[in-house]
C-alpha atoms as a PDB file:
ATOM      1  CA  UNK A   1      79.792 106.557  47.992  1.00  0.00           C
ATOM      2  CA  UNK A   2      79.909 105.694  51.989  1.00  0.00           C
ATOM      3  CA  UNK A   3      82.715 107.746  53.666  1.00  0.00           C
ATOM      4  CA  UNK A   4      84.061 105.852  56.136  1.00  0.00           C
ATOM      5  CA  UNK A   5      85.677 106.329  59.214  1.00  0.00           C
ATOM      6  CA  UNK A   6      89.956 106.826  58.957  1.00  0.00           C
ATOM      7  CA  UNK A   7      89.141 108.626  55.617  1.00  0.00           C
ATOM      8  CA  UNK A   8      89.153 112.413  54.359  1.00  0.00           C
ATOM      9  CA  UNK A   9      86.039 113.987  54.991  1.00  0.00           C
ATOM     10  CA  UNK A  10      84.378 111.427  57.508  1.00  0.00           C
ATOM     11  CA  UNK A  11      84.500 114.527  59.435  1.00  0.00           C
ATOM     12  CA  UNK A  12      82.172 116.479  57.811  1.00  0.00           C
ATOM     13  CA  UNK A  13      80.277 113.873  56.088  1.00  0.00           C
ATOM     14  CA  UNK A  14      79.222 112.276  60.328  1.00  0.00           C
ATOM     15  CA  UNK A  15      78.182 116.088  61.210  1.00  0.00           C
ATOM     16  CA  UNK A  16      76.061 116.191  58.052  1.00  0.00           C
ATOM     17  CA  UNK A  17      74.920 113.038  59.322  1.00  0.00           C
ATOM     18  CA  UNK A  18      74.380 113.904  62.804  1.00  0.00           C
ATOM     19  CA  UNK A  19      72.212 117.306  62.033  1.00  0.00           C
ATOM     20  CA  UNK A  20      69.828 115.373  59.322  1.00  0.00           C
ATOM     21  CA  UNK A  21      68.589 112.781  61.366  1.00  0.00           C
ATOM     22  CA  UNK A  22      68.653 115.277  64.306  1.00  0.00           C
ATOM     23  CA  UNK A  23      66.214 117.544  62.884  1.00  0.00           C
ATOM     24  CA  UNK A  24      64.304 114.693  61.302  1.00  0.00           C
ATOM     25  CA  UNK A  25      63.595 113.370  64.319  1.00  0.00           C
ATOM     26  CA  UNK A  26      62.810 116.100  66.190  1.00  0.00           C
ATOM     27  CA  UNK A  27      60.581 117.380  63.275  1.00  0.00           C
ATOM     28  CA  UNK A  28      58.915 113.464  63.717  1.00  0.00           C
ATOM     29  CA  UNK A  29      58.378 114.429  67.055  1.00  0.00           C
ATOM     30  CA  UNK A  30      56.409 117.347  66.811  1.00  0.00           C
ATOM     31  CA  UNK A  31      54.614 115.994  64.228  1.00  0.00           C
ATOM     32  CA  UNK A  32      53.260 112.854  66.816  1.00  0.00           C
ATOM     33  CA  UNK A  33      53.026 115.396  69.665  1.00  0.00           C
ATOM     34  CA  UNK A  34      50.435 117.692  67.323  1.00  0.00           C
ATOM     35  CA  UNK A  35      48.774 114.989  65.889  1.00  0.00           C
ATOM     36  CA  UNK A  36      47.821 113.796  69.739  1.00  0.00           C
ATOM     37  CA  UNK A  37      46.767 117.121  70.696  1.00  0.00           C
ATOM     38  CA  UNK A  38      44.362 117.756  67.721  1.00  0.00           C
ATOM     39  CA  UNK A  39      42.674 114.180  67.339  1.00  0.00           C
ATOM     40  CA  UNK A  40      41.934 114.207  71.307  1.00  0.00           C
ATOM     41  CA  UNK A  41      42.030 117.857  71.852  1.00  0.00           C
ATOM     42  CA  UNK A  42      44.348 117.440  75.457  1.00  0.00           C
ATOM     43  CA  UNK A  43      47.913 116.828  75.511  1.00  0.00           C
ATOM     44  CA  UNK A  44      47.263 114.327  78.886  1.00  0.00           C
ATOM     45  CA  UNK A  45      47.258 110.771  75.687  1.00  0.00           C
ATOM     46  CA  UNK A  46      49.189 108.109  74.519  1.00  0.00           C
ATOM     47  CA  UNK A  47      50.608 110.341  71.698  1.00  0.00           C
ATOM     48  CA  UNK A  48      52.851 112.747  74.216  1.00  0.00           C
ATOM     49  CA  UNK A  49      53.998 109.939  76.663  1.00  0.00           C
ATOM     50  CA  UNK A  50      55.227 108.386  72.360  1.00  0.00           C
ATOM     51  CA  UNK A  51      56.892 112.268  71.277  1.00  0.00           C
ATOM     52  CA  UNK A  52      58.542 111.570  75.231  1.00  0.00           C
ATOM     53  CA  UNK A  53      59.954 108.691  74.058  1.00  0.00           C
ATOM     54  CA  UNK A  54      60.753 109.951  70.588  1.00  0.00           C
ATOM     55  CA  UNK A  55      63.061 112.658  72.029  1.00  0.00           C
ATOM     56  CA  UNK A  56      65.996 109.653  73.407  1.00  0.00           C
ATOM     57  CA  UNK A  57      66.735 109.140  69.660  1.00  0.00           C
ATOM     58  CA  UNK A  58      66.854 112.560  68.275  1.00  0.00           C
ATOM     59  CA  UNK A  59      69.174 114.081  71.848  1.00  0.00           C
ATOM     60  CA  UNK A  60      71.098 111.292  70.839  1.00  0.00           C
ATOM     61  CA  UNK A  61      71.869 112.944  67.130  1.00  0.00           C
ATOM     62  CA  UNK A  62      71.513 116.089  68.644  1.00  0.00           C
ATOM     63  CA  UNK A  63      74.525 115.305  71.384  1.00  0.00           C
ATOM     64  CA  UNK A  64      76.602 113.787  68.589  1.00  0.00           C
ATOM     65  CA  UNK A  65      76.450 116.269  66.602  1.00  0.00           C
ATOM     66  CA  UNK A  66      77.332 119.113  68.867  1.00  0.00           C
ATOM     67  CA  UNK A  67      80.114 116.340  69.745  1.00  0.00           C
ATOM     68  CA  UNK A  68      81.965 116.819  66.308  1.00  0.00           C
ATOM     69  CA  UNK A  69      80.836 120.035  65.695  1.00  0.00           C
ATOM     70  CA  UNK A  70      84.018 121.735  66.817  1.00  0.00           C
ATOM     71  CA  UNK A  71      86.329 120.171  64.078  1.00  0.00           C
ATOM     72  CA  UNK A  72      87.376 119.591  61.168  1.00  0.00           C
ATOM     73  CA  UNK A  73      87.846 117.516  58.193  1.00  0.00           C
ATOM     74  CA  UNK A  74      91.715 117.280  56.818  1.00  0.00           C
ATOM     75  CA  UNK A  75      92.415 120.404  54.427  1.00  0.00           C
ATOM     76  CA  UNK A  76      92.010 119.006  50.685  1.00  0.00           C
ATOM     77  CA  UNK A  77      95.391 119.739  49.954  1.00  0.00           C
ATOM     78  CA  UNK A  78      97.189 118.391  53.167  1.00  0.00           C
ATOM     79  CA  UNK A  79      95.345 114.542  51.594  1.00  0.00           C
ATOM     80  CA  UNK A  80      96.920 114.983  48.662  1.00  0.00           C
ATOM     81  CA  UNK A  81     100.636 116.316  49.566  1.00  0.00           C
ATOM     82  CA  UNK A  82     100.541 113.496  52.245  1.00  0.00           C
ATOM     83  CA  UNK A  83      99.234 110.701  50.252  1.00  0.00           C
ATOM     84  CA  UNK A  84     101.701 111.509  47.157  1.00  0.00           C
ATOM     85  CA  UNK A  85     104.967 111.816  49.579  1.00  0.00           C
ATOM     86  CA  UNK A  86     104.068 108.976  51.696  1.00  0.00           C
ATOM     87  CA  UNK A  87     102.057 105.790  49.434  1.00  0.00           C
ATOM     88  CA  UNK A  88     103.570 103.087  50.648  1.00  0.00           C
ATOM     89  CA  UNK A  89     103.179 103.366  54.558  1.00  0.00           C
ATOM     90  CA  UNK A  90      99.600 103.080  55.912  1.00  0.00           C
ATOM     91  CA  UNK A  91      97.575 106.415  56.285  1.00  0.00           C
ATOM     92  CA  UNK A  92      94.477 107.217  57.880  1.00  0.00           C
ATOM     93  CA  UNK A  93      92.605 110.626  58.409  1.00  0.00           C
ATOM     94  CA  UNK A  94      90.460 112.419  60.099  1.00  0.00           C
ATOM     95  CA  UNK A  95      89.875 110.484  63.565  1.00  0.00           C
ATOM     96  CA  UNK A  96      88.646 111.805  66.675  1.00  0.00           C
ATOM     97  CA  UNK A  97      90.703 110.089  69.789  1.00  0.00           C
ATOM     98  CA  UNK A  98      88.753 109.975  73.201  1.00  0.00           C
ATOM     99  CA  UNK A  99      90.273 108.983  76.393  1.00  0.00           C
ATOM    100  CA  UNK A 100      89.324 109.394  79.568  1.00  0.00           C
ATOM    101  CA  UNK A 101      90.092 112.736  80.116  1.00  0.00           C
ATOM    102  CA  UNK A 102      89.653 114.590  76.406  1.00  0.00           C
ATOM    103  CA  UNK A 103      88.616 114.382  73.212  1.00  0.00           C
ATOM    104  CA  UNK A 104      91.505 115.065  70.691  1.00  0.00           C
ATOM    105  CA  UNK A 105      91.251 115.152  66.908  1.00  0.00           C
ATOM    106  CA  UNK A 106      94.071 114.088  64.730  1.00  0.00           C
ATOM    107  CA  UNK A 107      93.829 114.680  61.384  1.00  0.00           C
ATOM    108  CA  UNK A 108      96.365 112.126  59.670  1.00  0.00           C
ATOM    109  CA  UNK A 109      98.139 109.231  60.740  1.00  0.00           C
ATOM    110  CA  UNK A 110     100.552 107.100  58.957  1.00  0.00           C
ATOM    111  CA  UNK A 111     102.296 103.708  60.500  1.00  0.00           C
ATOM    112  CA  UNK A 112     104.690 101.672  59.371  1.00  0.00           C
ATOM    113  CA  UNK A 113     106.773  99.128  61.134  1.00  0.00           C
ATOM    114  CA  UNK A 114     107.320 100.150  64.779  1.00  0.00           C
ATOM    115  CA  UNK A 115     106.327 103.610  64.410  1.00  0.00           C
ATOM    116  CA  UNK A 116     103.094 105.802  63.827  1.00  0.00           C
ATOM    117  CA  UNK A 117     103.132 108.735  63.353  1.00  0.00           C
ATOM    118  CA  UNK A 118     100.611 112.062  63.467  1.00  0.00           C
ATOM    119  CA  UNK A 119      99.432 115.005  63.000  1.00  0.00           C
ATOM    120  CA  UNK A 120      96.872 117.458  64.328  1.00  0.00           C
ATOM    121  CA  UNK A 121      96.139 120.821  63.458  1.00  0.00           C
ATOM    122  CA  UNK A 122      93.775 121.581  66.316  1.00  0.00           C
ATOM    123  CA  UNK A 123      96.220 123.294  68.939  1.00  0.00           C
ATOM    124  CA  UNK A 124      93.705 122.219  71.728  1.00  0.00           C
ATOM    125  CA  UNK A 125      95.208 118.950  71.334  1.00  0.00           C
ATOM    126  CA  UNK A 126      97.978 118.167  73.751  1.00  0.00           C
ATOM    127  CA  UNK A 127     100.606 115.860  71.503  1.00  0.00           C
ATOM    128  CA  UNK A 128     101.799 114.172  74.246  1.00  0.00           C
ATOM    129  CA  UNK A 129      98.456 113.135  76.000  1.00  0.00           C
ATOM    130  CA  UNK A 130      97.672 111.785  72.902  1.00  0.00           C
ATOM    131  CA  UNK A 131     101.208 110.428  71.785  1.00  0.00           C
ATOM    132  CA  UNK A 132     101.475 108.455  75.178  1.00  0.00           C
ATOM    133  CA  UNK A 133      96.929 107.518  74.997  1.00  0.00           C
ATOM    134  CA  UNK A 134      97.581 106.120  71.361  1.00  0.00           C
ATOM    135  CA  UNK A 135     100.681 104.101  73.055  1.00  0.00           C
ATOM    136  CA  UNK A 136      99.334 102.746  76.295  1.00  0.00           C
ATOM    137  CA  UNK A 137      96.176 101.029  74.113  1.00  0.00           C
ATOM    138  CA  UNK A 138      98.757  99.613  71.643  1.00  0.00           C
ATOM    139  CA  UNK A 139     100.838  97.925  74.678  1.00  0.00           C
ATOM    140  CA  UNK A 140      97.024  97.093  75.987  1.00  0.00           C
ATOM    141  CA  UNK A 141      96.540  95.054  72.842  1.00  0.00           C
ATOM    142  CA  UNK A 142      99.653  93.516  72.751  1.00  0.00           C
ATOM    143  CA  UNK A 143     101.789  96.319  70.274  1.00  0.00           C
ATOM    144  CA  UNK A 144     104.713  96.528  72.062  1.00  0.00           C
ATOM    145  CA  UNK A 145     107.976  98.909  71.813  1.00  0.00           C
ATOM    146  CA  UNK A 146     105.954 101.241  69.559  1.00  0.00           C
ATOM    147  CA  UNK A 147     107.356 104.204  68.737  1.00  0.00           C
ATOM    148  CA  UNK A 148     104.093 106.860  68.660  1.00  0.00           C
ATOM    149  CA  UNK A 149     105.295 110.695  68.038  1.00  0.00           C
ATOM    150  CA  UNK A 150     102.286 113.105  67.393  1.00  0.00           C
ATOM    151  CA  UNK A 151     103.409 116.485  65.308  1.00  0.00           C
ATOM    152  CA  UNK A 152     101.622 120.527  65.522  1.00  0.00           C
ATOM    153  CA  UNK A 153     103.872 121.217  62.809  1.00  0.00           C
ATOM    154  CA  UNK A 154     102.597 119.930  59.305  1.00  0.00           C
ATOM    155  CA  UNK A 155     106.108 120.513  58.120  1.00  0.00           C
ATOM    156  CA  UNK A 156     107.853 118.369  60.202  1.00  0.00           C
ATOM    157  CA  UNK A 157     105.082 115.788  60.131  1.00  0.00           C
ATOM    158  CA  UNK A 158     105.100 115.525  56.329  1.00  0.00           C
ATOM    159  CA  UNK A 159     109.550 115.036  56.126  1.00  0.00           C
ATOM    160  CA  UNK A 160     109.083 112.495  58.485  1.00  0.00           C
ATOM    161  CA  UNK A 161     106.167 110.571  56.332  1.00  0.00           C
ATOM    162  CA  UNK A 162     108.461 111.133  54.097  1.00  0.00           C
ATOM    163  CA  UNK A 163     110.870 109.304  55.695  1.00  0.00           C
ATOM    164  CA  UNK A 164     108.823 106.208  56.278  1.00  0.00           C
ATOM    165  CA  UNK A 165     108.161 106.380  53.552  1.00  0.00           C
ATOM    166  CA  UNK A 166     111.348 106.241  51.658  1.00  0.00           C
ATOM    167  CA  UNK A 167     112.701 103.171  54.333  1.00  0.00           C
ATOM    168  CA  UNK A 168     109.701 101.413  53.596  1.00  0.00           C
ATOM    169  CA  UNK A 169     110.408 101.333  50.319  1.00  0.00           C
ATOM    170  CA  UNK A 170     114.054  99.810  50.460  1.00  0.00           C
ATOM    171  CA  UNK A 171     112.622  97.239  53.202  1.00  0.00           C
ATOM    172  CA  UNK A 172     109.712  96.104  51.982  1.00  0.00           C
ATOM    173  CA  UNK A 173     108.730  93.783  54.908  1.00  0.00           C
ATOM    174  CA  UNK A 174     105.486  93.033  53.678  1.00  0.00           C
ATOM    175  CA  UNK A 175     103.755  93.873  57.615  1.00  0.00           C
ATOM    176  CA  UNK A 176     101.631  96.205  55.292  1.00  0.00           C
ATOM    177  CA  UNK A 177      99.239  93.454  57.800  1.00  0.00           C
ATOM    178  CA  UNK A 178     100.009  94.157  60.282  1.00  0.00           C
ATOM    179  CA  UNK A 179      99.853  97.898  60.366  1.00  0.00           C
ATOM    180  CA  UNK A 180      96.569  97.926  58.922  1.00  0.00           C
ATOM    181  CA  UNK A 181      95.823  96.001  62.225  1.00  0.00           C
ATOM    182  CA  UNK A 182      97.475  99.137  63.833  1.00  0.00           C
ATOM    183  CA  UNK A 183      94.998 101.376  61.913  1.00  0.00           C
ATOM    184  CA  UNK A 184      92.019  99.323  62.420  1.00  0.00           C
ATOM    185  CA  UNK A 185      92.533  99.276  66.484  1.00  0.00           C
ATOM    186  CA  UNK A 186      93.350 103.333  66.183  1.00  0.00           C
ATOM    187  CA  UNK A 187      90.347 104.267  64.755  1.00  0.00           C
ATOM    188  CA  UNK A 188      88.166 102.122  67.453  1.00  0.00           C
ATOM    189  CA  UNK A 189      89.173 104.707  69.723  1.00  0.00           C
ATOM    190  CA  UNK A 190      88.088 107.230  66.648  1.00  0.00           C
ATOM    191  CA  UNK A 191      84.709 109.198  67.276  1.00  0.00           C
END
């Protein structure tokens, strides 16, 4: 089963995939280079040119792996707890939000109505900058008057998510489609 963007375990699966692809592609490059040398007895041949051009996609996969390597997927216990306590709101997991200045991991996000609430376990993520960036993207896509709050404290995030879930159980406005559109937009700015 393929793990999609926004599901738990996405970062882990992507890292494995990028690493395997990079190793395979570099192995093919080396094989073509060795084949060319053994066939012609010199490195000045067409196989060398093919091997050099083949380094481009291999290097791209390696760069993707290096970019994702320092980031971790959400802990399975936290995932289960969020799923249990915020089951009526839209949820997303394992995101690495990119802006022009920074790359910021976001473990989980819950969306309900005009509120977007996120949790990051990374101490390198500045929650104010991340919240401002997400709010700017939402404003640019005509989702005005949104409240975006990012937490480093898991307990505070869980309490806010649970409160949003309680409000969603009472209101039942049917805005789940809009919430999913907002999540899709956030996933679009994620790696």
